């Protein structure tokens, strides 16, 4: 009979504290930084296709390596923040 007595109660309220705000802000910052790195890699790729220099392939590889490092490293950091 305890189950029927608790049917009408609303004790489960959402709590939004400082920790949740911290997680939302850092998730947004991570998404924005990944977007920034993606656009940086695209910009370098466009410039390396436009201007012919001996460093084109090196710069393009470095830009995409930076993008992959941001995604992997930031993803790990974001995972650790979200599980905290």
PDB file of N, CA and C in Angstrom:
ATOM      1  N   UNK A   1       0.794  -1.196   0.000  1.00  0.00           N
ATOM      2  CA  UNK A   1       0.000   0.000   0.000  1.00  0.00           C
ATOM      3  C   UNK A   1       0.843   1.270   0.000  1.00  0.00           C
ATOM      4  N   UNK A   2       2.146   1.162   0.296  1.00  0.00           N
ATOM      5  CA  UNK A   2       3.007   2.342   0.275  1.00  0.00           C
ATOM      6  C   UNK A   2       3.151   2.908  -1.130  1.00  0.00           C
ATOM      7  N   UNK A   3       3.115   2.041  -2.113  1.00  0.00           N
ATOM      8  CA  UNK A   3       3.259   2.490  -3.502  1.00  0.00           C
ATOM      9  C   UNK A   3       2.091   3.382  -3.887  1.00  0.00           C
ATOM     10  N   UNK A   4       0.895   3.000  -3.523  1.00  0.00           N
ATOM     11  CA  UNK A   4      -0.276   3.802  -3.844  1.00  0.00           C
ATOM     12  C   UNK A   4      -0.298   5.121  -3.083  1.00  0.00           C
ATOM     13  N   UNK A   5       0.283   5.153  -1.922  1.00  0.00           N
ATOM     14  CA  UNK A   5       0.321   6.383  -1.135  1.00  0.00           C
ATOM     15  C   UNK A   5       1.284   7.417  -1.700  1.00  0.00           C
ATOM     16  N   UNK A   6       2.283   6.974  -2.456  1.00  0.00           N
ATOM     17  CA  UNK A   6       3.285   7.888  -3.003  1.00  0.00           C
ATOM     18  C   UNK A   6       3.021   8.282  -4.447  1.00  0.00           C
ATOM     19  N   UNK A   7       1.912   7.884  -5.004  1.00  0.00           N
ATOM     20  CA  UNK A   7       1.620   8.157  -6.407  1.00  0.00           C
ATOM     21  C   UNK A   7       1.472   9.643  -6.666  1.00  0.00           C
ATOM     22  N   UNK A   8       0.843  10.369  -5.817  1.00  0.00           N
ATOM     23  CA  UNK A   8       0.571  11.788  -6.055  1.00  0.00           C
ATOM     24  C   UNK A   8       1.673  12.726  -5.604  1.00  0.00           C
ATOM     25  N   UNK A   9       2.745  12.238  -5.002  1.00  0.00           N
ATOM     26  CA  UNK A   9       3.798  13.125  -4.504  1.00  0.00           C
ATOM     27  C   UNK A   9       4.765  13.494  -5.610  1.00  0.00           C
ATOM     28  N   UNK A  10       5.294  14.672  -5.520  1.00  0.00           N
ATOM     29  CA  UNK A  10       6.246  15.174  -6.512  1.00  0.00           C
ATOM     30  C   UNK A  10       7.532  15.568  -5.794  1.00  0.00           C
ATOM     31  N   UNK A  11       8.308  14.606  -5.378  1.00  0.00           N
ATOM     32  CA  UNK A  11       9.529  14.882  -4.628  1.00  0.00           C
ATOM     33  C   UNK A  11      10.764  14.955  -5.510  1.00  0.00           C
ATOM     34  N   UNK A  12      10.672  14.505  -6.725  1.00  0.00           N
ATOM     35  CA  UNK A  12      11.826  14.513  -7.622  1.00  0.00           C
ATOM     36  C   UNK A  12      11.890  15.855  -8.337  1.00  0.00           C
ATOM     37  N   UNK A  13      12.666  16.764  -7.815  1.00  0.00           N
ATOM     38  CA  UNK A  13      12.821  18.093  -8.408  1.00  0.00           C
ATOM     39  C   UNK A  13      14.200  18.180  -9.064  1.00  0.00           C
ATOM     40  N   UNK A  14      14.289  18.934 -10.124  1.00  0.00           N
ATOM     41  CA  UNK A  14      15.570  19.128 -10.793  1.00  0.00           C
ATOM     42  C   UNK A  14      16.422  20.096  -9.998  1.00  0.00           C
ATOM     43  N   UNK A  15      17.669  19.733  -9.796  1.00  0.00           N
ATOM     44  CA  UNK A  15      18.587  20.620  -9.096  1.00  0.00           C
ATOM     45  C   UNK A  15      19.632  21.110 -10.085  1.00  0.00           C
ATOM     46  N   UNK A  16      19.800  22.391 -10.151  1.00  0.00           N
ATOM     47  CA  UNK A  16      20.759  22.997 -11.070  1.00  0.00           C
ATOM     48  C   UNK A  16      21.720  23.828 -10.240  1.00  0.00           C
ATOM     49  N   UNK A  17      22.872  23.252  -9.968  1.00  0.00           N
ATOM     50  CA  UNK A  17      23.824  23.920  -9.103  1.00  0.00           C
ATOM     51  C   UNK A  17      25.001  24.490  -9.874  1.00  0.00           C
ATOM     52  N   UNK A  18      26.002  24.879  -9.134  1.00  0.00           N
ATOM     53  CA  UNK A  18      27.200  25.468  -9.712  1.00  0.00           C
ATOM     54  C   UNK A  18      27.977  24.447 -10.540  1.00  0.00           C
ATOM     55  N   UNK A  19      27.973  23.202 -10.115  1.00  0.00           N
ATOM     56  CA  UNK A  19      28.658  22.148 -10.867  1.00  0.00           C
ATOM     57  C   UNK A  19      28.043  21.934 -12.239  1.00  0.00           C
ATOM     58  N   UNK A  20      26.723  21.972 -12.312  1.00  0.00           N
ATOM     59  CA  UNK A  20      26.044  21.819 -13.605  1.00  0.00           C
ATOM     60  C   UNK A  20      26.339  22.996 -14.520  1.00  0.00           C
ATOM     61  N   UNK A  21      26.363  24.183 -13.957  1.00  0.00           N
ATOM     62  CA  UNK A  21      26.697  25.373 -14.748  1.00  0.00           C
ATOM     63  C   UNK A  21      28.118  25.285 -15.286  1.00  0.00           C
ATOM     64  N   UNK A  22      29.032  24.818 -14.459  1.00  0.00           N
ATOM     65  CA  UNK A  22      30.423  24.611 -14.863  1.00  0.00           C
ATOM     66  C   UNK A  22      30.508  23.647 -16.041  1.00  0.00           C
ATOM     67  N   UNK A  23      29.753  22.548 -15.981  1.00  0.00           N
ATOM     68  CA  UNK A  23      29.773  21.551 -17.048  1.00  0.00           C
ATOM     69  C   UNK A  23      29.195  22.104 -18.348  1.00  0.00           C
ATOM     70  N   UNK A  24      28.143  22.864 -18.256  1.00  0.00           N
ATOM     71  CA  UNK A  24      27.525  23.443 -19.457  1.00  0.00           C
ATOM     72  C   UNK A  24      28.460  24.446 -20.114  1.00  0.00           C
ATOM     73  N   UNK A  25      29.100  25.286 -19.315  1.00  0.00           N
ATOM     74  CA  UNK A  25      30.011  26.297 -19.850  1.00  0.00           C
ATOM     75  C   UNK A  25      31.205  25.638 -20.531  1.00  0.00           C
ATOM     76  N   UNK A  26      31.800  24.642 -19.912  1.00  0.00           N
ATOM     77  CA  UNK A  26      32.968  24.005 -20.515  1.00  0.00           C
ATOM     78  C   UNK A  26      32.611  23.147 -21.720  1.00  0.00           C
ATOM     79  N   UNK A  27      31.410  22.604 -21.754  1.00  0.00           N
ATOM     80  CA  UNK A  27      30.959  21.892 -22.945  1.00  0.00           C
ATOM     81  C   UNK A  27      30.818  22.863 -24.109  1.00  0.00           C
ATOM     82  N   UNK A  28      30.230  24.014 -23.846  1.00  0.00           N
ATOM     83  CA  UNK A  28      30.094  25.040 -24.882  1.00  0.00           C
ATOM     84  C   UNK A  28      31.461  25.542 -25.351  1.00  0.00           C
ATOM     85  N   UNK A  29      32.378  25.762 -24.421  1.00  0.00           N
ATOM     86  CA  UNK A  29      33.723  26.195 -24.800  1.00  0.00           C
ATOM     87  C   UNK A  29      34.431  25.146 -25.648  1.00  0.00           C
ATOM     88  N   UNK A  30      34.259  23.872 -25.324  1.00  0.00           N
ATOM     89  CA  UNK A  30      34.864  22.809 -26.106  1.00  0.00           C
ATOM     90  C   UNK A  30      34.308  22.795 -27.527  1.00  0.00           C
ATOM     91  N   UNK A  31      33.012  22.914 -27.662  1.00  0.00           N
ATOM     92  CA  UNK A  31      32.388  22.919 -28.992  1.00  0.00           C
ATOM     93  C   UNK A  31      32.885  24.111 -29.812  1.00  0.00           C
ATOM     94  N   UNK A  32      32.983  25.275 -29.188  1.00  0.00           N
ATOM     95  CA  UNK A  32      33.465  26.464 -29.895  1.00  0.00           C
ATOM     96  C   UNK A  32      34.937  26.329 -30.284  1.00  0.00           C
ATOM     97  N   UNK A  33      35.752  25.730 -29.423  1.00  0.00           N
ATOM     98  CA  UNK A  33      37.173  25.567 -29.744  1.00  0.00           C
ATOM     99  C   UNK A  33      37.388  24.562 -30.875  1.00  0.00           C
ATOM    100  N   UNK A  34      36.575  23.522 -30.901  1.00  0.00           N
ATOM    101  CA  UNK A  34      36.657  22.563 -32.008  1.00  0.00           C
ATOM    102  C   UNK A  34      36.252  23.244 -33.312  1.00  0.00           C
ATOM    103  N   UNK A  35      35.221  24.078 -33.280  1.00  0.00           N
ATOM    104  CA  UNK A  35      34.807  24.813 -34.476  1.00  0.00           C
ATOM    105  C   UNK A  35      35.918  25.763 -34.933  1.00  0.00           C
ATOM    106  N   UNK A  36      36.547  26.444 -33.980  1.00  0.00           N
ATOM    107  CA  UNK A  36      37.660  27.340 -34.309  1.00  0.00           C
ATOM    108  C   UNK A  36      38.809  26.565 -34.964  1.00  0.00           C
ATOM    109  N   UNK A  37      39.157  25.411 -34.429  1.00  0.00           N
ATOM    110  CA  UNK A  37      40.242  24.608 -34.990  1.00  0.00           C
ATOM    111  C   UNK A  37      39.886  24.088 -36.378  1.00  0.00           C
ATOM    112  N   UNK A  38      38.631  23.720 -36.571  1.00  0.00           N
ATOM    113  CA  UNK A  38      38.183  23.258 -37.878  1.00  0.00           C
ATOM    114  C   UNK A  38      38.296  24.370 -38.923  1.00  0.00           C
ATOM    115  N   UNK A  39      37.842  25.567 -38.581  1.00  0.00           N
ATOM    116  CA  UNK A  39      37.928  26.674 -39.522  1.00  0.00           C
ATOM    117  C   UNK A  39      39.371  27.107 -39.758  1.00  0.00           C
ATOM    118  N   UNK A  40      40.223  26.987 -38.756  1.00  0.00           N
ATOM    119  CA  UNK A  40      41.644  27.277 -38.936  1.00  0.00           C
ATOM    120  C   UNK A  40      42.271  26.296 -39.912  1.00  0.00           C
ATOM    121  N   UNK A  41      41.937  25.007 -39.772  1.00  0.00           N
ATOM    122  CA  UNK A  41      42.471  24.001 -40.692  1.00  0.00           C
ATOM    123  C   UNK A  41      41.977  24.244 -42.110  1.00  0.00           C
ATOM    124  N   UNK A  42      40.722  24.616 -42.262  1.00  0.00           N
ATOM    125  CA  UNK A  42      40.206  24.927 -43.603  1.00  0.00           C
ATOM    126  C   UNK A  42      40.884  26.146 -44.201  1.00  0.00           C
ATOM    127  N   UNK A  43      41.118  27.151 -43.369  1.00  0.00           N
ATOM    128  CA  UNK A  43      41.783  28.373 -43.858  1.00  0.00           C
ATOM    129  C   UNK A  43      43.200  28.057 -44.325  1.00  0.00           C
ATOM    130  N   UNK A  44      43.918  27.267 -43.565  1.00  0.00           N
ATOM    131  CA  UNK A  44      45.283  26.905 -43.952  1.00  0.00           C
ATOM    132  C   UNK A  44      45.267  26.066 -45.219  1.00  0.00           C
ATOM    133  N   UNK A  45      44.283  25.187 -45.348  1.00  0.00           N
ATOM    134  CA  UNK A  45      44.201  24.376 -46.558  1.00  0.00           C
ATOM    135  C   UNK A  45      43.923  25.242 -47.788  1.00  0.00           C
ATOM    136  N   UNK A  46      43.032  26.200 -47.655  1.00  0.00           N
ATOM    137  CA  UNK A  46      42.734  27.104 -48.777  1.00  0.00           C
ATOM    138  C   UNK A  46      43.958  27.938 -49.132  1.00  0.00           C
ATOM    139  N   UNK A  47      44.647  28.460 -48.125  1.00  0.00           N
ATOM    140  CA  UNK A  47      45.840  29.264 -48.397  1.00  0.00           C
ATOM    141  C   UNK A  47      46.956  28.428 -49.014  1.00  0.00           C
ATOM    142  N   UNK A  48      47.091  27.182 -48.576  1.00  0.00           N
ATOM    143  CA  UNK A  48      48.157  26.360 -49.148  1.00  0.00           C
ATOM    144  C   UNK A  48      47.842  25.957 -50.588  1.00  0.00           C
ATOM    145  N   UNK A  49      46.568  25.895 -50.938  1.00  0.00           N
ATOM    146  CA  UNK A  49      46.210  25.624 -52.328  1.00  0.00           C
ATOM    147  C   UNK A  49      46.344  26.871 -53.203  1.00  0.00           C
ATOM    148  N   UNK A  50      46.216  28.043 -52.605  1.00  0.00           N
ATOM    149  CA  UNK A  50      46.279  29.295 -53.353  1.00  0.00           C
ATOM    150  C   UNK A  50      47.714  29.736 -53.599  1.00  0.00           C
ATOM    151  N   UNK A  51      48.523  29.689 -52.561  1.00  0.00           N
ATOM    152  CA  UNK A  51      49.907  30.169 -52.649  1.00  0.00           C
ATOM    153  C   UNK A  51      50.837  28.962 -52.693  1.00  0.00           C
ATOM    154  N   UNK A  52      51.726  28.947 -53.632  1.00  0.00           N
ATOM    155  CA  UNK A  52      52.633  27.813 -53.798  1.00  0.00           C
ATOM    156  C   UNK A  52      53.951  28.079 -53.072  1.00  0.00           C
ATOM    157  N   UNK A  53      54.194  27.300 -52.010  1.00  0.00           N
ATOM    158  CA  UNK A  53      55.450  27.364 -51.260  1.00  0.00           C
ATOM    159  C   UNK A  53      55.904  25.943 -50.958  1.00  0.00           C
ATOM    160  N   UNK A  54      57.163  25.775 -50.596  1.00  0.00           N
ATOM    161  CA  UNK A  54      57.631  24.419 -50.257  1.00  0.00           C
ATOM    162  C   UNK A  54      57.061  23.891 -48.944  1.00  0.00           C
ATOM    163  N   UNK A  55      56.452  24.746 -48.129  1.00  0.00           N
ATOM    164  CA  UNK A  55      55.940  24.346 -46.820  1.00  0.00           C
ATOM    165  C   UNK A  55      54.451  23.985 -46.841  1.00  0.00           C
ATOM    166  N   UNK A  56      53.837  23.915 -47.999  1.00  0.00           N
ATOM    167  CA  UNK A  56      52.395  23.687 -48.090  1.00  0.00           C
ATOM    168  C   UNK A  56      51.956  22.387 -47.415  1.00  0.00           C
ATOM    169  N   UNK A  57      52.594  21.287 -47.763  1.00  0.00           N
ATOM    170  CA  UNK A  57      52.177  19.994 -47.210  1.00  0.00           C
ATOM    171  C   UNK A  57      52.431  19.928 -45.712  1.00  0.00           C
ATOM    172  N   UNK A  58      53.528  20.505 -45.263  1.00  0.00           N
ATOM    173  CA  UNK A  58      53.854  20.487 -43.846  1.00  0.00           C
ATOM    174  C   UNK A  58      52.840  21.286 -43.037  1.00  0.00           C
ATOM    175  N   UNK A  59      52.496  22.470 -43.513  1.00  0.00           N
ATOM    176  CA  UNK A  59      51.521  23.295 -42.804  1.00  0.00           C
ATOM    177  C   UNK A  59      50.143  22.655 -42.794  1.00  0.00           C
ATOM    178  N   UNK A  60      49.765  22.049 -43.897  1.00  0.00           N
ATOM    179  CA  UNK A  60      48.462  21.393 -43.965  1.00  0.00           C
ATOM    180  C   UNK A  60      48.399  20.218 -42.984  1.00  0.00           C
ATOM    181  N   UNK A  61      49.452  19.419 -42.943  1.00  0.00           N
ATOM    182  CA  UNK A  61      49.494  18.294 -42.000  1.00  0.00           C
ATOM    183  C   UNK A  61      49.489  18.772 -40.558  1.00  0.00           C
ATOM    184  N   UNK A  62      50.223  19.840 -40.294  1.00  0.00           N
ATOM    185  CA  UNK A  62      50.275  20.385 -38.940  1.00  0.00           C
ATOM    186  C   UNK A  62      48.911  20.915 -38.505  1.00  0.00           C
ATOM    187  N   UNK A  63      48.199  21.574 -39.403  1.00  0.00           N
ATOM    188  CA  UNK A  63      46.878  22.108 -39.067  1.00  0.00           C
ATOM    189  C   UNK A  63      45.888  20.985 -38.780  1.00  0.00           C
ATOM    190  N   UNK A  64      45.903  19.931 -39.576  1.00  0.00           N
ATOM    191  CA  UNK A  64      44.977  18.839 -39.336  1.00  0.00           C
ATOM    192  C   UNK A  64      45.389  17.993 -38.132  1.00  0.00           C
ATOM    193  N   UNK A  65      46.690  17.905 -37.862  1.00  0.00           N
ATOM    194  CA  UNK A  65      47.131  17.249 -36.632  1.00  0.00           C
ATOM    195  C   UNK A  65      46.629  18.016 -35.416  1.00  0.00           C
ATOM    196  N   UNK A  66      46.692  19.349 -35.488  1.00  0.00           N
ATOM    197  CA  UNK A  66      46.179  20.185 -34.401  1.00  0.00           C
ATOM    198  C   UNK A  66      44.683  19.958 -34.211  1.00  0.00           C
ATOM    199  N   UNK A  67      43.953  19.854 -35.302  1.00  0.00           N
ATOM    200  CA  UNK A  67      42.515  19.611 -35.224  1.00  0.00           C
ATOM    201  C   UNK A  67      42.226  18.268 -34.556  1.00  0.00           C
ATOM    202  N   UNK A  68      42.940  17.224 -34.950  1.00  0.00           N
ATOM    203  CA  UNK A  68      42.735  15.908 -34.342  1.00  0.00           C
ATOM    204  C   UNK A  68      43.125  15.908 -32.868  1.00  0.00           C
ATOM    205  N   UNK A  69      44.210  16.597 -32.531  1.00  0.00           N
ATOM    206  CA  UNK A  69      44.636  16.681 -31.132  1.00  0.00           C
ATOM    207  C   UNK A  69      43.603  17.411 -30.284  1.00  0.00           C
ATOM    208  N   UNK A  70      43.006  18.452 -30.844  1.00  0.00           N
ATOM    209  CA  UNK A  70      41.964  19.192 -30.121  1.00  0.00           C
ATOM    210  C   UNK A  70      40.747  18.302 -29.893  1.00  0.00           C
ATOM    211  N   UNK A  71      40.349  17.553 -30.905  1.00  0.00           N
ATOM    212  CA  UNK A  71      39.169  16.707 -30.766  1.00  0.00           C
ATOM    213  C   UNK A  71      39.407  15.591 -29.749  1.00  0.00           C
ATOM    214  N   UNK A  72      40.545  14.918 -29.844  1.00  0.00           N
ATOM    215  CA  UNK A  72      40.822  13.807 -28.930  1.00  0.00           C
ATOM    216  C   UNK A  72      41.097  14.314 -27.512  1.00  0.00           C
ATOM    217  N   UNK A  73      41.994  15.251 -27.379  1.00  0.00           N
ATOM    218  CA  UNK A  73      42.328  15.777 -26.052  1.00  0.00           C
ATOM    219  C   UNK A  73      41.167  16.487 -25.391  1.00  0.00           C
ATOM    220  N   UNK A  74      40.457  17.277 -26.160  1.00  0.00           N
ATOM    221  CA  UNK A  74      39.286  17.958 -25.617  1.00  0.00           C
ATOM    222  C   UNK A  74      38.168  17.005 -25.277  1.00  0.00           C
ATOM    223  N   UNK A  75      38.020  15.963 -26.069  1.00  0.00           N
ATOM    224  CA  UNK A  75      36.998  14.959 -25.773  1.00  0.00           C
ATOM    225  C   UNK A  75      37.283  14.239 -24.469  1.00  0.00           C
ATOM    226  N   UNK A  76      38.532  13.900 -24.238  1.00  0.00           N
ATOM    227  CA  UNK A  76      38.915  13.258 -22.970  1.00  0.00           C
ATOM    228  C   UNK A  76      38.678  14.218 -21.810  1.00  0.00           C
ATOM    229  N   UNK A  77      39.081  15.475 -21.969  1.00  0.00           N
ATOM    230  CA  UNK A  77      38.878  16.464 -20.906  1.00  0.00           C
ATOM    231  C   UNK A  77      37.391  16.691 -20.649  1.00  0.00           C
ATOM    232  N   UNK A  78      36.606  16.766 -21.709  1.00  0.00           N
ATOM    233  CA  UNK A  78      35.168  16.953 -21.561  1.00  0.00           C
ATOM    234  C   UNK A  78      34.530  15.755 -20.868  1.00  0.00           C
ATOM    235  N   UNK A  79      34.979  14.548 -21.217  1.00  0.00           N
ATOM    236  CA  UNK A  79      34.473  13.343 -20.562  1.00  0.00           C
ATOM    237  C   UNK A  79      34.768  13.379 -19.072  1.00  0.00           C
ATOM    238  N   UNK A  80      35.988  13.774 -18.713  1.00  0.00           N
ATOM    239  CA  UNK A  80      36.356  13.834 -17.300  1.00  0.00           C
ATOM    240  C   UNK A  80      35.553  14.902 -16.547  1.00  0.00           C
ATOM    241  N   UNK A  81      35.284  16.022 -17.203  1.00  0.00           N
ATOM    242  CA  UNK A  81      34.482  17.066 -16.574  1.00  0.00           C
ATOM    243  C   UNK A  81      33.042  16.597 -16.376  1.00  0.00           C
ATOM    244  N   UNK A  82      32.497  15.920 -17.374  1.00  0.00           N
ATOM    245  CA  UNK A  82      31.100  15.507 -17.278  1.00  0.00           C
ATOM    246  C   UNK A  82      30.862  14.381 -16.274  1.00  0.00           C
ATOM    247  N   UNK A  83      31.845  13.520 -16.048  1.00  0.00           N
ATOM    248  CA  UNK A  83      31.646  12.460 -15.070  1.00  0.00           C
ATOM    249  C   UNK A  83      31.959  12.913 -13.642  1.00  0.00           C
ATOM    250  N   UNK A  84      32.537  14.079 -13.489  1.00  0.00           N
ATOM    251  CA  UNK A  84      32.889  14.578 -12.140  1.00  0.00           C
ATOM    252  C   UNK A  84      31.656  14.987 -11.367  1.00  0.00           C
TER     253      UNK A  84
END
